[in-house]
């Protein structure tokens, strides 16, 4: 009884295929209804994503429809399953390639950012080093305020509290120290 059903199915597939080749779109809808679940399961086994599988299944049926003229009666279910598996593998490859591209872009961005931050850090350290070398040339009353502000990164408030003076006094000392440096040092000394 099972063999008869398979034979009937093959015959009805052949009849439906002939009708589709003759331009009967309803016959193709019957084929889609008949094999939709089988192809969905086959494609899902490769993609493991329902939305992607739904899209791929539709694309496979379009491929089947456009390739039906090349079908040579060699087992319809086997033929459409092969198309489905090949298409699913292609989709999976594209996904992997795009994920690799995204990863490459992210890695390059991270490396570039690290490189820039390392480069900035080195430049900053060199400038601090040059300032430290020149610091001993400053008059002592300016040296401490320049060191605290530029090298120790202290705020005006912190410096005023440590020296037990007003913030305005610190501003004045920094102003005078900067003027002294402008008069006595050239910009080339620091570049």
C-alpha atoms as a PDB file:
ATOM      1  CA  UNK A   1       0.000   0.000   0.000  1.00  0.00           C
ATOM      2  CA  UNK A   2       2.904   2.369   0.860  1.00  0.00           C
ATOM      3  CA  UNK A   3       4.543   1.727  -2.553  1.00  0.00           C
ATOM      4  CA  UNK A   4       1.323   2.630  -4.312  1.00  0.00           C
ATOM      5  CA  UNK A   5       1.159   5.938  -2.459  1.00  0.00           C
ATOM      6  CA  UNK A   6       4.727   6.757  -3.429  1.00  0.00           C
ATOM      7  CA  UNK A   7       3.930   5.871  -7.005  1.00  0.00           C
ATOM      8  CA  UNK A   8       0.805   7.997  -6.918  1.00  0.00           C
ATOM      9  CA  UNK A   9       2.745  10.870  -5.447  1.00  0.00           C
ATOM     10  CA  UNK A  10       5.368  10.617  -8.192  1.00  0.00           C
ATOM     11  CA  UNK A  11       2.664  10.537 -10.834  1.00  0.00           C
ATOM     12  CA  UNK A  12       0.816  13.471  -9.364  1.00  0.00           C
ATOM     13  CA  UNK A  13       4.120  15.399  -9.087  1.00  0.00           C
ATOM     14  CA  UNK A  14       4.813  14.679 -12.750  1.00  0.00           C
ATOM     15  CA  UNK A  15       1.319  15.806 -13.729  1.00  0.00           C
ATOM     16  CA  UNK A  16       1.647  18.969 -11.657  1.00  0.00           C
ATOM     17  CA  UNK A  17       5.088  19.691 -13.122  1.00  0.00           C
ATOM     18  CA  UNK A  18       3.748  19.349 -16.655  1.00  0.00           C
ATOM     19  CA  UNK A  19       0.874  21.693 -15.827  1.00  0.00           C
ATOM     20  CA  UNK A  20       3.319  24.243 -14.352  1.00  0.00           C
ATOM     21  CA  UNK A  21       5.495  24.017 -17.473  1.00  0.00           C
ATOM     22  CA  UNK A  22       2.319  24.689 -19.482  1.00  0.00           C
ATOM     23  CA  UNK A  23       1.739  27.886 -17.503  1.00  0.00           C
ATOM     24  CA  UNK A  24      -0.665  26.669 -14.816  1.00  0.00           C
ATOM     25  CA  UNK A  25       0.302  28.645 -11.699  1.00  0.00           C
ATOM     26  CA  UNK A  26      -2.290  26.877  -9.555  1.00  0.00           C
ATOM     27  CA  UNK A  27      -0.403  23.622 -10.112  1.00  0.00           C
ATOM     28  CA  UNK A  28       2.761  25.248  -8.745  1.00  0.00           C
ATOM     29  CA  UNK A  29       0.827  26.439  -5.670  1.00  0.00           C
ATOM     30  CA  UNK A  30      -0.150  22.796  -5.079  1.00  0.00           C
ATOM     31  CA  UNK A  31       3.523  21.767  -5.264  1.00  0.00           C
ATOM     32  CA  UNK A  32       4.445  24.529  -2.814  1.00  0.00           C
ATOM     33  CA  UNK A  33       1.755  23.385  -0.378  1.00  0.00           C
ATOM     34  CA  UNK A  34       2.897  19.798  -0.713  1.00  0.00           C
ATOM     35  CA  UNK A  35       6.624  20.404  -0.087  1.00  0.00           C
ATOM     36  CA  UNK A  36       6.695  23.623   1.952  1.00  0.00           C
ATOM     37  CA  UNK A  37       7.152  21.913   5.338  1.00  0.00           C
ATOM     38  CA  UNK A  38       9.767  19.454   4.043  1.00  0.00           C
ATOM     39  CA  UNK A  39      11.871  22.247   2.539  1.00  0.00           C
ATOM     40  CA  UNK A  40      11.422  24.447   5.595  1.00  0.00           C
ATOM     41  CA  UNK A  41      12.777  21.681   7.863  1.00  0.00           C
ATOM     42  CA  UNK A  42      15.682  21.025   5.490  1.00  0.00           C
ATOM     43  CA  UNK A  43      16.665  24.687   5.323  1.00  0.00           C
ATOM     44  CA  UNK A  44      16.167  25.203   9.057  1.00  0.00           C
ATOM     45  CA  UNK A  45      18.599  22.359   9.745  1.00  0.00           C
ATOM     46  CA  UNK A  46      21.297  24.495   8.066  1.00  0.00           C
ATOM     47  CA  UNK A  47      20.344  28.042   9.123  1.00  0.00           C
ATOM     48  CA  UNK A  48      18.903  27.470  12.621  1.00  0.00           C
ATOM     49  CA  UNK A  49      16.923  30.737  12.447  1.00  0.00           C
ATOM     50  CA  UNK A  50      13.195  30.806  11.739  1.00  0.00           C
ATOM     51  CA  UNK A  51      13.059  34.203   9.987  1.00  0.00           C
ATOM     52  CA  UNK A  52      16.070  33.429   7.820  1.00  0.00           C
ATOM     53  CA  UNK A  53      14.594  30.005   7.039  1.00  0.00           C
ATOM     54  CA  UNK A  54      11.246  31.506   6.002  1.00  0.00           C
ATOM     55  CA  UNK A  55      12.984  33.930   3.634  1.00  0.00           C
ATOM     56  CA  UNK A  56      15.252  31.220   2.254  1.00  0.00           C
ATOM     57  CA  UNK A  57      12.302  28.856   1.706  1.00  0.00           C
ATOM     58  CA  UNK A  58      10.540  31.476  -0.414  1.00  0.00           C
ATOM     59  CA  UNK A  59      13.727  32.069  -2.383  1.00  0.00           C
ATOM     60  CA  UNK A  60      14.089  28.328  -2.951  1.00  0.00           C
ATOM     61  CA  UNK A  61      10.560  28.070  -4.369  1.00  0.00           C
ATOM     62  CA  UNK A  62      11.372  30.929  -6.743  1.00  0.00           C
ATOM     63  CA  UNK A  63      14.501  29.046  -7.841  1.00  0.00           C
ATOM     64  CA  UNK A  64      12.468  25.866  -8.300  1.00  0.00           C
ATOM     65  CA  UNK A  65       9.894  27.708 -10.388  1.00  0.00           C
ATOM     66  CA  UNK A  66      12.504  29.332 -12.630  1.00  0.00           C
ATOM     67  CA  UNK A  67      14.517  26.092 -12.938  1.00  0.00           C
ATOM     68  CA  UNK A  68      11.575  23.763 -13.579  1.00  0.00           C
ATOM     69  CA  UNK A  69      12.321  23.725 -17.304  1.00  0.00           C
ATOM     70  CA  UNK A  70      15.651  22.025 -16.483  1.00  0.00           C
ATOM     71  CA  UNK A  71      14.040  19.306 -14.363  1.00  0.00           C
ATOM     72  CA  UNK A  72      14.530  15.910 -16.043  1.00  0.00           C
ATOM     73  CA  UNK A  73      12.169  13.576 -14.120  1.00  0.00           C
ATOM     74  CA  UNK A  74      14.896  12.230 -11.825  1.00  0.00           C
ATOM     75  CA  UNK A  75      12.975  12.412  -8.536  1.00  0.00           C
ATOM     76  CA  UNK A  76      11.300  15.700  -7.813  1.00  0.00           C
ATOM     77  CA  UNK A  77      11.635  15.668  -4.029  1.00  0.00           C
ATOM     78  CA  UNK A  78      15.352  14.850  -4.255  1.00  0.00           C
ATOM     79  CA  UNK A  79      15.840  17.584  -6.842  1.00  0.00           C
ATOM     80  CA  UNK A  80      14.099  20.321  -4.822  1.00  0.00           C
ATOM     81  CA  UNK A  81      15.828  19.184  -1.612  1.00  0.00           C
ATOM     82  CA  UNK A  82      19.205  19.560  -3.332  1.00  0.00           C
ATOM     83  CA  UNK A  83      18.250  23.081  -4.444  1.00  0.00           C
ATOM     84  CA  UNK A  84      17.129  23.903  -0.884  1.00  0.00           C
ATOM     85  CA  UNK A  85      20.300  22.584   0.752  1.00  0.00           C
ATOM     86  CA  UNK A  86      22.577  24.397  -1.723  1.00  0.00           C
ATOM     87  CA  UNK A  87      20.679  27.646  -1.243  1.00  0.00           C
ATOM     88  CA  UNK A  88      20.747  27.317   2.563  1.00  0.00           C
ATOM     89  CA  UNK A  89      24.507  26.711   2.467  1.00  0.00           C
ATOM     90  CA  UNK A  90      24.956  29.813   0.276  1.00  0.00           C
ATOM     91  CA  UNK A  91      22.903  31.900   2.709  1.00  0.00           C
ATOM     92  CA  UNK A  92      24.930  30.565   5.645  1.00  0.00           C
ATOM     93  CA  UNK A  93      28.201  31.412   3.863  1.00  0.00           C
ATOM     94  CA  UNK A  94      27.005  34.967   3.201  1.00  0.00           C
ATOM     95  CA  UNK A  95      26.035  35.349   6.853  1.00  0.00           C
ATOM     96  CA  UNK A  96      29.433  34.090   7.987  1.00  0.00           C
ATOM     97  CA  UNK A  97      31.218  36.402   5.550  1.00  0.00           C
ATOM     98  CA  UNK A  98      29.238  39.428   6.708  1.00  0.00           C
ATOM     99  CA  UNK A  99      29.878  38.524  10.357  1.00  0.00           C
ATOM    100  CA  UNK A 100      33.594  38.190   9.578  1.00  0.00           C
ATOM    101  CA  UNK A 101      33.505  41.586   7.852  1.00  0.00           C
ATOM    102  CA  UNK A 102      31.820  43.154  10.879  1.00  0.00           C
ATOM    103  CA  UNK A 103      34.374  41.551  13.194  1.00  0.00           C
ATOM    104  CA  UNK A 104      37.249  42.760  10.965  1.00  0.00           C
ATOM    105  CA  UNK A 105      35.920  46.318  10.980  1.00  0.00           C
ATOM    106  CA  UNK A 106      35.466  46.239  14.761  1.00  0.00           C
ATOM    107  CA  UNK A 107      38.957  44.800  15.325  1.00  0.00           C
ATOM    108  CA  UNK A 108      40.516  47.412  13.032  1.00  0.00           C
ATOM    109  CA  UNK A 109      38.663  50.188  14.865  1.00  0.00           C
ATOM    110  CA  UNK A 110      39.833  48.879  18.239  1.00  0.00           C
ATOM    111  CA  UNK A 111      43.432  48.571  17.019  1.00  0.00           C
ATOM    112  CA  UNK A 112      43.322  52.053  15.472  1.00  0.00           C
ATOM    113  CA  UNK A 113      41.890  53.513  18.685  1.00  0.00           C
ATOM    114  CA  UNK A 114      44.519  51.733  20.773  1.00  0.00           C
ATOM    115  CA  UNK A 115      47.240  52.939  18.416  1.00  0.00           C
ATOM    116  CA  UNK A 116      45.979  56.524  18.604  1.00  0.00           C
ATOM    117  CA  UNK A 117      45.685  56.410  22.381  1.00  0.00           C
ATOM    118  CA  UNK A 118      49.176  54.905  22.698  1.00  0.00           C
ATOM    119  CA  UNK A 119      50.536  57.530  20.335  1.00  0.00           C
ATOM    120  CA  UNK A 120      48.783  60.325  22.278  1.00  0.00           C
ATOM    121  CA  UNK A 121      50.105  58.930  25.540  1.00  0.00           C
ATOM    122  CA  UNK A 122      53.681  58.857  24.222  1.00  0.00           C
ATOM    123  CA  UNK A 123      53.406  62.442  22.946  1.00  0.00           C
ATOM    124  CA  UNK A 124      51.974  63.563  26.288  1.00  0.00           C
ATOM    125  CA  UNK A 125      54.779  61.825  28.202  1.00  0.00           C
ATOM    126  CA  UNK A 126      57.411  63.455  25.963  1.00  0.00           C
ATOM    127  CA  UNK A 127      55.906  66.904  26.558  1.00  0.00           C
ATOM    128  CA  UNK A 128      55.787  66.339  30.309  1.00  0.00           C
ATOM    129  CA  UNK A 129      59.375  65.146  30.192  1.00  0.00           C
ATOM    130  CA  UNK A 130      60.500  68.299  28.327  1.00  0.00           C
ATOM    131  CA  UNK A 131      58.609  70.522  30.757  1.00  0.00           C
ATOM    132  CA  UNK A 132      60.254  68.754  33.701  1.00  0.00           C
ATOM    133  CA  UNK A 133      63.692  69.303  32.143  1.00  0.00           C
ATOM    134  CA  UNK A 134      62.990  73.008  31.702  1.00  0.00           C
ATOM    135  CA  UNK A 135      61.260  73.378  35.063  1.00  0.00           C
ATOM    136  CA  UNK A 136      64.510  73.917  36.971  1.00  0.00           C
ATOM    137  CA  UNK A 137      65.101  77.119  34.935  1.00  0.00           C
ATOM    138  CA  UNK A 138      61.989  78.742  36.377  1.00  0.00           C
ATOM    139  CA  UNK A 139      62.257  81.037  39.394  1.00  0.00           C
ATOM    140  CA  UNK A 140      61.315  79.032  42.478  1.00  0.00           C
ATOM    141  CA  UNK A 141      58.092  80.940  43.211  1.00  0.00           C
ATOM    142  CA  UNK A 142      56.811  80.020  39.709  1.00  0.00           C
ATOM    143  CA  UNK A 143      58.251  76.498  39.633  1.00  0.00           C
ATOM    144  CA  UNK A 144      55.882  75.080  42.269  1.00  0.00           C
ATOM    145  CA  UNK A 145      52.721  76.534  40.760  1.00  0.00           C
ATOM    146  CA  UNK A 146      53.649  75.334  37.228  1.00  0.00           C
ATOM    147  CA  UNK A 147      54.540  71.878  38.530  1.00  0.00           C
ATOM    148  CA  UNK A 148      51.322  71.530  40.540  1.00  0.00           C
ATOM    149  CA  UNK A 149      49.067  72.735  37.710  1.00  0.00           C
ATOM    150  CA  UNK A 150      50.646  71.152  34.624  1.00  0.00           C
ATOM    151  CA  UNK A 151      52.375  68.042  35.907  1.00  0.00           C
ATOM    152  CA  UNK A 152      50.484  67.105  39.079  1.00  0.00           C
ATOM    153  CA  UNK A 153      47.156  68.125  37.431  1.00  0.00           C
ATOM    154  CA  UNK A 154      45.925  69.947  40.499  1.00  0.00           C
ATOM    155  CA  UNK A 155      43.052  72.412  40.368  1.00  0.00           C
ATOM    156  CA  UNK A 156      43.324  76.051  41.424  1.00  0.00           C
ATOM    157  CA  UNK A 157      41.278  75.188  44.511  1.00  0.00           C
ATOM    158  CA  UNK A 158      43.579  72.310  45.505  1.00  0.00           C
ATOM    159  CA  UNK A 159      46.676  74.450  45.051  1.00  0.00           C
ATOM    160  CA  UNK A 160      45.155  77.353  47.038  1.00  0.00           C
ATOM    161  CA  UNK A 161      44.200  75.026  49.890  1.00  0.00           C
ATOM    162  CA  UNK A 162      47.703  73.483  50.018  1.00  0.00           C
ATOM    163  CA  UNK A 163      49.444  76.875  49.989  1.00  0.00           C
ATOM    164  CA  UNK A 164      46.849  78.385  52.323  1.00  0.00           C
ATOM    165  CA  UNK A 165      46.152  81.281  49.923  1.00  0.00           C
ATOM    166  CA  UNK A 166      43.208  82.593  47.888  1.00  0.00           C
ATOM    167  CA  UNK A 167      42.385  81.072  44.467  1.00  0.00           C
ATOM    168  CA  UNK A 168      42.999  84.510  42.966  1.00  0.00           C
ATOM    169  CA  UNK A 169      46.589  84.339  44.226  1.00  0.00           C
ATOM    170  CA  UNK A 170      47.114  81.045  42.396  1.00  0.00           C
ATOM    171  CA  UNK A 171      45.644  82.548  39.206  1.00  0.00           C
ATOM    172  CA  UNK A 172      48.028  85.494  39.491  1.00  0.00           C
ATOM    173  CA  UNK A 173      51.055  83.251  40.092  1.00  0.00           C
ATOM    174  CA  UNK A 174      50.156  81.097  37.069  1.00  0.00           C
ATOM    175  CA  UNK A 175      49.651  84.186  34.927  1.00  0.00           C
ATOM    176  CA  UNK A 176      53.060  85.585  35.898  1.00  0.00           C
ATOM    177  CA  UNK A 177      54.751  82.188  35.465  1.00  0.00           C
ATOM    178  CA  UNK A 178      53.310  81.825  31.958  1.00  0.00           C
ATOM    179  CA  UNK A 179      54.491  85.324  31.044  1.00  0.00           C
ATOM    180  CA  UNK A 180      57.982  84.499  32.324  1.00  0.00           C
ATOM    181  CA  UNK A 181      58.021  81.326  30.219  1.00  0.00           C
ATOM    182  CA  UNK A 182      56.825  83.213  27.105  1.00  0.00           C
ATOM    183  CA  UNK A 183      59.692  85.696  27.515  1.00  0.00           C
ATOM    184  CA  UNK A 184      62.444  83.199  28.245  1.00  0.00           C
ATOM    185  CA  UNK A 185      61.499  80.052  26.333  1.00  0.00           C
ATOM    186  CA  UNK A 186      60.832  79.409  22.678  1.00  0.00           C
ATOM    187  CA  UNK A 187      58.071  77.102  21.499  1.00  0.00           C
ATOM    188  CA  UNK A 188      60.724  75.014  19.716  1.00  0.00           C
ATOM    189  CA  UNK A 189      62.091  74.059  23.128  1.00  0.00           C
ATOM    190  CA  UNK A 190      58.988  71.875  23.574  1.00  0.00           C
ATOM    191  CA  UNK A 191      58.370  70.395  20.122  1.00  0.00           C
END
